[in-house]
Amino acid sequence: MNQILEQLYKNLNHEKESLNECAIAVAELSNGQNHEGHIEKLIAYNLQKGRVSILEDVISEIDKLNTKTLKVV
């Protein structure tokens, strides 16, 4: 279980780095005249934000499972 969590945290860190890059790209285009490019960057940012949220949710659920005591039937 710990190996799974370790890999998920690595993936989460990678996805957060990508999210940061998307945020920077959005900010760079926010004052420009290229509205189409800005919209594309906003879409990419929101997709990446969703990936980060999903990974955070999965990690949270695994943490919950990891702390519960298992009942023997």
PDB file of N, CA and C in Angstrom:
ATOM      1  N   MET A   1       0.829  -1.190   0.000  1.00  0.00           N
ATOM      2  CA  MET A   1       0.000   0.000   0.000  1.00  0.00           C
ATOM      3  C   MET A   1       0.873   1.252   0.000  1.00  0.00           C
ATOM      4  N   ASN A   2       1.955   1.206   0.737  1.00  0.00           N
ATOM      5  CA  ASN A   2       2.842   2.370   0.799  1.00  0.00           C
ATOM      6  C   ASN A   2       3.497   2.663  -0.547  1.00  0.00           C
ATOM      7  N   GLN A   3       3.812   1.610  -1.299  1.00  0.00           N
ATOM      8  CA  GLN A   3       4.403   1.811  -2.618  1.00  0.00           C
ATOM      9  C   GLN A   3       3.407   2.492  -3.559  1.00  0.00           C
ATOM     10  N   ILE A   4       2.152   2.118  -3.435  1.00  0.00           N
ATOM     11  CA  ILE A   4       1.116   2.731  -4.266  1.00  0.00           C
ATOM     12  C   ILE A   4       1.000   4.214  -3.927  1.00  0.00           C
ATOM     13  N   LEU A   5       0.951   4.513  -2.638  1.00  0.00           N
ATOM     14  CA  LEU A   5       0.859   5.911  -2.217  1.00  0.00           C
ATOM     15  C   LEU A   5       2.081   6.705  -2.656  1.00  0.00           C
ATOM     16  N   GLU A   6       3.251   6.112  -2.553  1.00  0.00           N
ATOM     17  CA  GLU A   6       4.473   6.792  -2.976  1.00  0.00           C
ATOM     18  C   GLU A   6       4.413   7.149  -4.458  1.00  0.00           C
ATOM     19  N   GLN A   7       3.957   6.209  -5.281  1.00  0.00           N
ATOM     20  CA  GLN A   7       3.844   6.459  -6.719  1.00  0.00           C
ATOM     21  C   GLN A   7       2.785   7.517  -7.009  1.00  0.00           C
ATOM     22  N   LEU A   8       1.684   7.456  -6.279  1.00  0.00           N
ATOM     23  CA  LEU A   8       0.634   8.458  -6.474  1.00  0.00           C
ATOM     24  C   LEU A   8       1.126   9.854  -6.104  1.00  0.00           C
ATOM     25  N   TYR A   9       1.899   9.965  -5.029  1.00  0.00           N
ATOM     26  CA  TYR A   9       2.439  11.269  -4.651  1.00  0.00           C
ATOM     27  C   TYR A   9       3.435  11.784  -5.698  1.00  0.00           C
ATOM     28  N   LYS A  10       4.215  10.881  -6.278  1.00  0.00           N
ATOM     29  CA  LYS A  10       5.125  11.292  -7.352  1.00  0.00           C
ATOM     30  C   LYS A  10       4.319  11.813  -8.540  1.00  0.00           C
ATOM     31  N   ASN A  11       3.269  11.077  -8.892  1.00  0.00           N
ATOM     32  CA  ASN A  11       2.404  11.506 -10.001  1.00  0.00           C
ATOM     33  C   ASN A  11       1.743  12.841  -9.684  1.00  0.00           C
ATOM     34  N   LEU A  12       1.305  12.999  -8.445  1.00  0.00           N
ATOM     35  CA  LEU A  12       0.662  14.248  -8.040  1.00  0.00           C
ATOM     36  C   LEU A  12       1.632  15.418  -8.165  1.00  0.00           C
ATOM     37  N   ASN A  13       2.861  15.232  -7.725  1.00  0.00           N
ATOM     38  CA  ASN A  13       3.850  16.304  -7.843  1.00  0.00           C
ATOM     39  C   ASN A  13       4.097  16.675  -9.307  1.00  0.00           C
ATOM     40  N   HIS A  14       4.174  15.666 -10.156  1.00  0.00           N
ATOM     41  CA  HIS A  14       4.361  15.921 -11.589  1.00  0.00           C
ATOM     42  C   HIS A  14       3.175  16.693 -12.158  1.00  0.00           C
ATOM     43  N   GLU A  15       1.970  16.274 -11.811  1.00  0.00           N
ATOM     44  CA  GLU A  15       0.775  16.947 -12.311  1.00  0.00           C
ATOM     45  C   GLU A  15       0.683  18.380 -11.787  1.00  0.00           C
ATOM     46  N   LYS A  16       1.111  18.609 -10.556  1.00  0.00           N
ATOM     47  CA  LYS A  16       1.095  19.966 -10.001  1.00  0.00           C
ATOM     48  C   LYS A  16       2.106  20.860 -10.718  1.00  0.00           C
ATOM     49  N   GLU A  17       3.252  20.297 -11.100  1.00  0.00           N
ATOM     50  CA  GLU A  17       4.221  21.067 -11.880  1.00  0.00           C
ATOM     51  C   GLU A  17       3.616  21.466 -13.227  1.00  0.00           C
ATOM     52  N   SER A  18       2.922  20.530 -13.853  1.00  0.00           N
ATOM     53  CA  SER A  18       2.265  20.825 -15.126  1.00  0.00           C
ATOM     54  C   SER A  18       1.170  21.870 -14.944  1.00  0.00           C
ATOM     55  N   LEU A  19       0.452  21.793 -13.834  1.00  0.00           N
ATOM     56  CA  LEU A  19      -0.585  22.785 -13.545  1.00  0.00           C
ATOM     57  C   LEU A  19       0.031  24.165 -13.391  1.00  0.00           C
ATOM     58  N   ASN A  20       1.157  24.228 -12.724  1.00  0.00           N
ATOM     59  CA  ASN A  20       1.853  25.504 -12.553  1.00  0.00           C
ATOM     60  C   ASN A  20       2.272  26.074 -13.910  1.00  0.00           C
ATOM     61  N   GLU A  21       2.780  25.221 -14.791  1.00  0.00           N
ATOM     62  CA  GLU A  21       3.163  25.667 -16.130  1.00  0.00           C
ATOM     63  C   GLU A  21       1.954  26.188 -16.899  1.00  0.00           C
ATOM     64  N   CYS A  22       0.814  25.517 -16.757  1.00  0.00           N
ATOM     65  CA  CYS A  22      -0.410  25.977 -17.418  1.00  0.00           C
ATOM     66  C   CYS A  22      -0.844  27.330 -16.863  1.00  0.00           C
ATOM     67  N   ALA A  23      -0.735  27.500 -15.566  1.00  0.00           N
ATOM     68  CA  ALA A  23      -1.126  28.769 -14.948  1.00  0.00           C
ATOM     69  C   ALA A  23      -0.246  29.914 -15.446  1.00  0.00           C
ATOM     70  N   ILE A  24       1.026  29.644 -15.581  1.00  0.00           N
ATOM     71  CA  ILE A  24       1.949  30.669 -16.098  1.00  0.00           C
ATOM     72  C   ILE A  24       1.589  31.022 -17.539  1.00  0.00           C
ATOM     73  N   ALA A  25       1.289  30.015 -18.344  1.00  0.00           N
ATOM     74  CA  ALA A  25       0.916  30.257 -19.742  1.00  0.00           C
ATOM     75  C   ALA A  25      -0.364  31.081 -19.826  1.00  0.00           C
ATOM     76  N   VAL A  26      -1.322  30.800 -18.956  1.00  0.00           N
ATOM     77  CA  VAL A  26      -2.566  31.565 -18.938  1.00  0.00           C
ATOM     78  C   VAL A  26      -2.278  33.012 -18.573  1.00  0.00           C
ATOM     79  N   ALA A  27      -1.454  33.201 -17.561  1.00  0.00           N
ATOM     80  CA  ALA A  27      -1.125  34.561 -17.109  1.00  0.00           C
ATOM     81  C   ALA A  27      -0.400  35.348 -18.197  1.00  0.00           C
ATOM     82  N   GLU A  28       0.488  34.692 -18.912  1.00  0.00           N
ATOM     83  CA  GLU A  28       1.241  35.372 -19.968  1.00  0.00           C
ATOM     84  C   GLU A  28       0.332  35.837 -21.106  1.00  0.00           C
ATOM     85  N   LEU A  29      -0.733  35.091 -21.370  1.00  0.00           N
ATOM     86  CA  LEU A  29      -1.628  35.444 -22.466  1.00  0.00           C
ATOM     87  C   LEU A  29      -2.812  36.298 -22.021  1.00  0.00           C
ATOM     88  N   SER A  30      -2.974  36.504 -20.723  1.00  0.00           N
ATOM     89  CA  SER A  30      -4.169  37.187 -20.236  1.00  0.00           C
ATOM     90  C   SER A  30      -4.253  38.644 -20.679  1.00  0.00           C
ATOM     91  N   ASN A  31      -3.136  39.300 -20.901  1.00  0.00           N
ATOM     92  CA  ASN A  31      -3.141  40.700 -21.310  1.00  0.00           C
ATOM     93  C   ASN A  31      -2.964  40.890 -22.811  1.00  0.00           C
ATOM     94  N   GLY A  32      -2.806  39.799 -23.527  1.00  0.00           N
ATOM     95  CA  GLY A  32      -2.555  39.895 -24.964  1.00  0.00           C
ATOM     96  C   GLY A  32      -3.822  39.970 -25.783  1.00  0.00           C
ATOM     97  N   GLN A  33      -3.637  40.093 -27.065  1.00  0.00           N
ATOM     98  CA  GLN A  33      -4.752  40.178 -28.002  1.00  0.00           C
ATOM     99  C   GLN A  33      -5.140  38.813 -28.571  1.00  0.00           C
ATOM    100  N   ASN A  34      -4.378  37.790 -28.255  1.00  0.00           N
ATOM    101  CA  ASN A  34      -4.627  36.458 -28.788  1.00  0.00           C
ATOM    102  C   ASN A  34      -5.669  35.750 -27.915  1.00  0.00           C
ATOM    103  N   HIS A  35      -6.934  36.065 -28.132  1.00  0.00           N
ATOM    104  CA  HIS A  35      -8.004  35.511 -27.303  1.00  0.00           C
ATOM    105  C   HIS A  35      -8.171  34.009 -27.512  1.00  0.00           C
ATOM    106  N   GLU A  36      -7.984  33.560 -28.732  1.00  0.00           N
ATOM    107  CA  GLU A  36      -8.113  32.128 -29.011  1.00  0.00           C
ATOM    108  C   GLU A  36      -7.040  31.342 -28.263  1.00  0.00           C
ATOM    109  N   GLY A  37      -5.819  31.847 -28.289  1.00  0.00           N
ATOM    110  CA  GLY A  37      -4.727  31.198 -27.558  1.00  0.00           C
ATOM    111  C   GLY A  37      -4.972  31.211 -26.062  1.00  0.00           C
ATOM    112  N   HIS A  38      -5.550  32.300 -25.579  1.00  0.00           N
ATOM    113  CA  HIS A  38      -5.840  32.411 -24.149  1.00  0.00           C
ATOM    114  C   HIS A  38      -6.894  31.383 -23.735  1.00  0.00           C
ATOM    115  N   ILE A  39      -7.911  31.228 -24.560  1.00  0.00           N
ATOM    116  CA  ILE A  39      -8.958  30.237 -24.274  1.00  0.00           C
ATOM    117  C   ILE A  39      -8.374  28.831 -24.274  1.00  0.00           C
ATOM    118  N   GLU A  40      -7.505  28.530 -25.230  1.00  0.00           N
ATOM    119  CA  GLU A  40      -6.859  27.215 -25.274  1.00  0.00           C
ATOM    120  C   GLU A  40      -6.054  26.958 -24.008  1.00  0.00           C
ATOM    121  N   LYS A  41      -5.336  27.976 -23.542  1.00  0.00           N
ATOM    122  CA  LYS A  41      -4.533  27.825 -22.319  1.00  0.00           C
ATOM    123  C   LYS A  41      -5.426  27.655 -21.100  1.00  0.00           C
ATOM    124  N   LEU A  42      -6.565  28.349 -21.067  1.00  0.00           N
ATOM    125  CA  LEU A  42      -7.506  28.191 -19.958  1.00  0.00           C
ATOM    126  C   LEU A  42      -8.087  26.781 -19.922  1.00  0.00           C
ATOM    127  N   ILE A  43      -8.403  26.255 -21.094  1.00  0.00           N
ATOM    128  CA  ILE A  43      -8.910  24.876 -21.173  1.00  0.00           C
ATOM    129  C   ILE A  43      -7.851  23.901 -20.670  1.00  0.00           C
ATOM    130  N   ALA A  44      -6.621  24.068 -21.129  1.00  0.00           N
ATOM    131  CA  ALA A  44      -5.529  23.190 -20.687  1.00  0.00           C
ATOM    132  C   ALA A  44      -5.339  23.286 -19.179  1.00  0.00           C
ATOM    133  N   TYR A  45      -5.425  24.507 -18.646  1.00  0.00           N
ATOM    134  CA  TYR A  45      -5.280  24.699 -17.198  1.00  0.00           C
ATOM    135  C   TYR A  45      -6.380  23.955 -16.444  1.00  0.00           C
ATOM    136  N   ASN A  46      -7.612  24.091 -16.898  1.00  0.00           N
ATOM    137  CA  ASN A  46      -8.730  23.441 -16.210  1.00  0.00           C
ATOM    138  C   ASN A  46      -8.668  21.924 -16.296  1.00  0.00           C
ATOM    139  N   LEU A  47      -8.231  21.397 -17.426  1.00  0.00           N
ATOM    140  CA  LEU A  47      -8.042  19.948 -17.544  1.00  0.00           C
ATOM    141  C   LEU A  47      -6.966  19.460 -16.573  1.00  0.00           C
ATOM    142  N   GLN A  48      -5.874  20.202 -16.492  1.00  0.00           N
ATOM    143  CA  GLN A  48      -4.790  19.823 -15.597  1.00  0.00           C
ATOM    144  C   GLN A  48      -5.239  19.930 -14.142  1.00  0.00           C
ATOM    145  N   LYS A  49      -6.018  20.945 -13.832  1.00  0.00           N
ATOM    146  CA  LYS A  49      -6.534  21.121 -12.482  1.00  0.00           C
ATOM    147  C   LYS A  49      -7.405  19.919 -12.101  1.00  0.00           C
ATOM    148  N   GLY A  50      -8.176  19.422 -13.060  1.00  0.00           N
ATOM    149  CA  GLY A  50      -8.994  18.233 -12.830  1.00  0.00           C
ATOM    150  C   GLY A  50      -8.142  17.008 -12.541  1.00  0.00           C
ATOM    151  N   ARG A  51      -7.047  16.860 -13.270  1.00  0.00           N
ATOM    152  CA  ARG A  51      -6.140  15.725 -13.027  1.00  0.00           C
ATOM    153  C   ARG A  51      -5.574  15.775 -11.617  1.00  0.00           C
ATOM    154  N   VAL A  52      -5.181  16.967 -11.181  1.00  0.00           N
ATOM    155  CA  VAL A  52      -4.633  17.132  -9.838  1.00  0.00           C
ATOM    156  C   VAL A  52      -5.699  16.777  -8.802  1.00  0.00           C
ATOM    157  N   SER A  53      -6.908  17.252  -8.993  1.00  0.00           N
ATOM    158  CA  SER A  53      -7.998  16.982  -8.047  1.00  0.00           C
ATOM    159  C   SER A  53      -8.299  15.490  -7.952  1.00  0.00           C
ATOM    160  N   ILE A  54      -8.309  14.823  -9.091  1.00  0.00           N
ATOM    161  CA  ILE A  54      -8.575  13.381  -9.098  1.00  0.00           C
ATOM    162  C   ILE A  54      -7.501  12.632  -8.316  1.00  0.00           C
ATOM    163  N   LEU A  55      -6.239  12.961  -8.556  1.00  0.00           N
ATOM    164  CA  LEU A  55      -5.157  12.295  -7.828  1.00  0.00           C
ATOM    165  C   LEU A  55      -5.250  12.566  -6.326  1.00  0.00           C
ATOM    166  N   GLU A  56      -5.575  13.797  -5.951  1.00  0.00           N
ATOM    167  CA  GLU A  56      -5.721  14.120  -4.536  1.00  0.00           C
ATOM    168  C   GLU A  56      -6.855  13.316  -3.911  1.00  0.00           C
ATOM    169  N   ASP A  57      -7.952  13.143  -4.641  1.00  0.00           N
ATOM    170  CA  ASP A  57      -9.074  12.348  -4.140  1.00  0.00           C
ATOM    171  C   ASP A  57      -8.689  10.885  -3.966  1.00  0.00           C
ATOM    172  N   VAL A  58      -7.973  10.337  -4.939  1.00  0.00           N
ATOM    173  CA  VAL A  58      -7.545   8.935  -4.860  1.00  0.00           C
ATOM    174  C   VAL A  58      -6.615   8.743  -3.662  1.00  0.00           C
ATOM    175  N   ILE A  59      -5.674   9.640  -3.486  1.00  0.00           N
ATOM    176  CA  ILE A  59      -4.744   9.541  -2.354  1.00  0.00           C
ATOM    177  C   ILE A  59      -5.508   9.611  -1.037  1.00  0.00           C
ATOM    178  N   SER A  60      -6.474  10.495  -0.948  1.00  0.00           N
ATOM    179  CA  SER A  60      -7.278  10.632   0.264  1.00  0.00           C
ATOM    180  C   SER A  60      -8.028   9.338   0.578  1.00  0.00           C
ATOM    181  N   GLU A  61      -8.619   8.741  -0.445  1.00  0.00           N
ATOM    182  CA  GLU A  61      -9.358   7.492  -0.238  1.00  0.00           C
ATOM    183  C   GLU A  61      -8.433   6.349   0.180  1.00  0.00           C
ATOM    184  N   ILE A  62      -7.266   6.272  -0.419  1.00  0.00           N
ATOM    185  CA  ILE A  62      -6.311   5.223  -0.045  1.00  0.00           C
ATOM    186  C   ILE A  62      -5.824   5.442   1.382  1.00  0.00           C
ATOM    187  N   ASP A  63      -5.602   6.696   1.761  1.00  0.00           N
ATOM    188  CA  ASP A  63      -5.212   6.994   3.143  1.00  0.00           C
ATOM    189  C   ASP A  63      -6.286   6.537   4.119  1.00  0.00           C
ATOM    190  N   LYS A  64      -7.545   6.749   3.763  1.00  0.00           N
ATOM    191  CA  LYS A  64      -8.644   6.305   4.627  1.00  0.00           C
ATOM    192  C   LYS A  64      -8.637   4.790   4.771  1.00  0.00           C
ATOM    193  N   LEU A  65      -8.451   4.091   3.642  1.00  0.00           N
ATOM    194  CA  LEU A  65      -8.407   2.628   3.677  1.00  0.00           C
ATOM    195  C   LEU A  65      -7.217   2.130   4.477  1.00  0.00           C
ATOM    196  N   ASN A  66      -6.121   2.834   4.365  1.00  0.00           N
ATOM    197  CA  ASN A  66      -4.888   2.443   5.025  1.00  0.00           C
ATOM    198  C   ASN A  66      -5.006   2.583   6.542  1.00  0.00           C
ATOM    199  N   THR A  67      -5.849   3.479   7.013  1.00  0.00           N
ATOM    200  CA  THR A  67      -5.969   3.707   8.456  1.00  0.00           C
ATOM    201  C   THR A  67      -7.092   2.912   9.085  1.00  0.00           C
ATOM    202  N   LYS A  68      -8.005   2.367   8.275  1.00  0.00           N
ATOM    203  CA  LYS A  68      -9.095   1.548   8.816  1.00  0.00           C
ATOM    204  C   LYS A  68      -8.567   0.170   9.210  1.00  0.00           C
ATOM    205  N   THR A  69      -9.158  -0.372  10.269  1.00  0.00           N
ATOM    206  CA  THR A  69      -8.817  -1.736  10.639  1.00  0.00           C
ATOM    207  C   THR A  69      -9.709  -2.662   9.824  1.00  0.00           C
ATOM    208  N   LEU A  70      -9.122  -3.708   9.346  1.00  0.00           N
ATOM    209  CA  LEU A  70      -9.870  -4.671   8.539  1.00  0.00           C
ATOM    210  C   LEU A  70     -10.548  -5.692   9.451  1.00  0.00           C
ATOM    211  N   LYS A  71     -11.788  -5.992   9.140  1.00  0.00           N
ATOM    212  CA  LYS A  71     -12.544  -6.985   9.911  1.00  0.00           C
ATOM    213  C   LYS A  71     -12.403  -8.335   9.233  1.00  0.00           C
ATOM    214  N   VAL A  72     -12.157  -9.345  10.030  1.00  0.00           N
ATOM    215  CA  VAL A  72     -12.074 -10.701   9.506  1.00  0.00           C
ATOM    216  C   VAL A  72     -13.462 -11.310   9.593  1.00  0.00           C
ATOM    217  N   VAL A  73     -13.899 -11.861   8.470  1.00  0.00           N
ATOM    218  CA  VAL A  73     -15.252 -12.444   8.425  1.00  0.00           C
ATOM    219  C   VAL A  73     -15.168 -13.928   8.627  1.00  0.00           C
TER     220      VAL A  73
END
